[in-house]
Amino acid sequence: MQDFKTLDRAEIVDMVLIGVRDVLEQADRPIPDDLGETTHLIGKQSILDSLGMVTLIVDLEQKIEEEYDIALTLADDRAMSQKNSPFLTIQSLTDYICMLIAEEQQDG
């Protein structure tokens, strides 16, 4: 059995927040003062454009593989078919990532 790093939601939140900050900095866009779990990633109130969202997803997939030794695909049919998009806010993305990691660790 593989030794998995213990899932810590706070670490995932930090990972997503850092990823969002990095994408905004790379695009030379302002980082909101109130950046947090309620920040919208898609939709009318979003802080990322489509390229920024793709960059964030790819970066997070790489960081998750490095930190948790789990290869996840965040933007797949499962994510796209959900009634409420897991990409709507930092909180919903964090919850989705935590769920996927927990499933992988359980199956592993």
Protein backbone atom coordinates (compact mmCIF):
# COMPACT_ATOMS: atom_id res chain seq x y z
CA MET A 1 0.00 0.00 0.00
CA GLN A 2 1.24 3.45 -0.92
CA ASP A 3 1.94 6.00 1.82
CA PHE A 4 -0.23 8.98 1.00
CA LYS A 5 0.23 12.43 2.44
CA THR A 6 -2.65 13.17 4.79
CA LEU A 7 -5.30 15.30 3.18
CA ASP A 8 -5.45 18.74 4.79
CA ARG A 9 -8.13 21.04 3.38
CA ALA A 10 -6.26 24.14 4.58
CA GLU A 11 -3.24 23.08 2.50
CA ILE A 12 -5.45 22.69 -0.57
CA VAL A 13 -7.01 26.13 0.01
CA ASP A 14 -3.52 27.62 0.24
CA MET A 15 -2.45 25.76 -2.89
CA VAL A 16 -5.42 27.16 -4.84
CA LEU A 17 -4.94 30.70 -3.47
CA ILE A 18 -1.24 30.66 -4.34
CA GLY A 19 -2.09 29.30 -7.79
CA VAL A 20 -4.62 32.08 -8.40
CA ARG A 21 -2.14 34.74 -7.23
CA ASP A 22 0.54 33.30 -9.52
CA VAL A 23 -1.78 33.30 -12.54
CA LEU A 24 -2.88 36.89 -11.86
CA GLU A 25 0.75 38.03 -11.44
CA GLN A 26 1.80 36.29 -14.67
CA ALA A 27 -1.02 38.08 -16.51
CA ASP A 28 -0.07 41.37 -14.86
CA ARG A 29 -3.56 41.62 -13.38
CA PRO A 30 -4.38 43.05 -9.96
CA ILE A 31 -4.79 40.68 -7.03
CA PRO A 32 -8.01 41.50 -5.15
CA ASP A 33 -7.61 42.54 -1.51
CA ASP A 34 -10.45 40.20 -0.56
CA LEU A 35 -9.06 37.13 -2.36
CA GLY A 36 -10.48 34.14 -0.51
CA GLU A 37 -12.71 31.11 -0.74
CA THR A 38 -15.71 33.11 -2.00
CA THR A 39 -13.73 34.61 -4.90
CA HIS A 40 -15.31 33.71 -8.26
CA LEU A 41 -13.08 31.98 -10.80
CA ILE A 42 -15.65 31.79 -13.61
CA GLY A 43 -18.74 33.75 -14.51
CA LYS A 44 -19.51 37.46 -14.53
CA GLN A 45 -17.65 38.17 -11.27
CA SER A 46 -14.61 36.08 -12.16
CA ILE A 47 -11.08 37.29 -11.63
CA LEU A 48 -9.60 34.93 -14.26
CA ASP A 49 -10.04 34.86 -18.01
CA SER A 50 -10.27 31.52 -19.83
CA LEU A 51 -6.50 31.28 -20.36
CA GLY A 52 -5.93 32.04 -16.68
CA MET A 53 -8.38 29.31 -15.69
CA VAL A 54 -6.63 26.75 -17.90
CA THR A 55 -3.25 27.79 -16.50
CA LEU A 56 -4.57 27.46 -12.92
CA ILE A 57 -5.97 23.98 -13.57
CA VAL A 58 -2.73 22.72 -15.15
CA ASP A 59 -0.64 24.25 -12.33
CA LEU A 60 -2.86 22.68 -9.66
CA GLU A 61 -2.73 19.26 -11.31
CA GLN A 62 1.08 19.45 -11.29
CA LYS A 63 1.24 20.61 -7.65
CA ILE A 64 -1.16 17.89 -6.53
CA GLU A 65 0.99 15.27 -8.22
CA GLU A 66 4.10 16.69 -6.54
CA GLU A 67 2.53 17.05 -3.08
CA TYR A 68 0.24 14.01 -2.95
CA ASP A 69 1.76 11.74 -5.62
CA ILE A 70 -1.68 11.56 -7.25
CA ALA A 71 -2.27 12.31 -10.93
CA LEU A 72 -5.65 14.05 -11.17
CA THR A 73 -7.46 15.47 -14.16
CA LEU A 74 -9.52 18.36 -12.82
CA ALA A 75 -11.25 19.40 -16.04
CA ASP A 76 -12.87 16.21 -17.28
CA ASP A 77 -16.38 14.99 -18.15
CA ARG A 78 -17.17 14.47 -14.49
CA ALA A 79 -16.34 18.07 -13.62
CA MET A 80 -18.13 19.49 -16.64
CA SER A 81 -21.30 17.47 -16.07
CA GLN A 82 -21.89 18.62 -12.50
CA LYS A 83 -24.97 20.71 -11.80
CA ASN A 84 -22.83 23.28 -9.97
CA SER A 85 -19.44 23.85 -11.54
CA PRO A 86 -16.51 22.96 -9.31
CA PHE A 87 -14.69 25.91 -10.90
CA LEU A 88 -17.14 28.60 -9.76
CA THR A 89 -15.25 29.75 -6.66
CA ILE A 90 -12.03 28.99 -4.84
CA GLN A 91 -14.14 27.14 -2.24
CA SER A 92 -15.92 24.93 -4.79
CA LEU A 93 -12.62 24.14 -6.53
CA THR A 94 -10.98 23.31 -3.20
CA ASP A 95 -13.88 21.05 -2.21
CA TYR A 96 -13.71 19.27 -5.58
CA ILE A 97 -9.95 18.74 -5.31
CA CYS A 98 -10.31 17.41 -1.74
CA MET A 99 -13.03 15.01 -2.88
CA LEU A 100 -10.90 13.71 -5.77
CA ILE A 101 -7.81 13.26 -3.59
CA ALA A 102 -9.84 11.46 -0.91
CA GLU A 103 -11.29 9.11 -3.56
CA GLU A 104 -7.84 8.38 -4.97
CA GLN A 105 -6.41 7.72 -1.52
CA GLN A 106 -9.34 5.45 -0.68
CA ASP A 107 -8.98 3.49 -3.93
CA GLY A 108 -5.20 3.34 -3.65
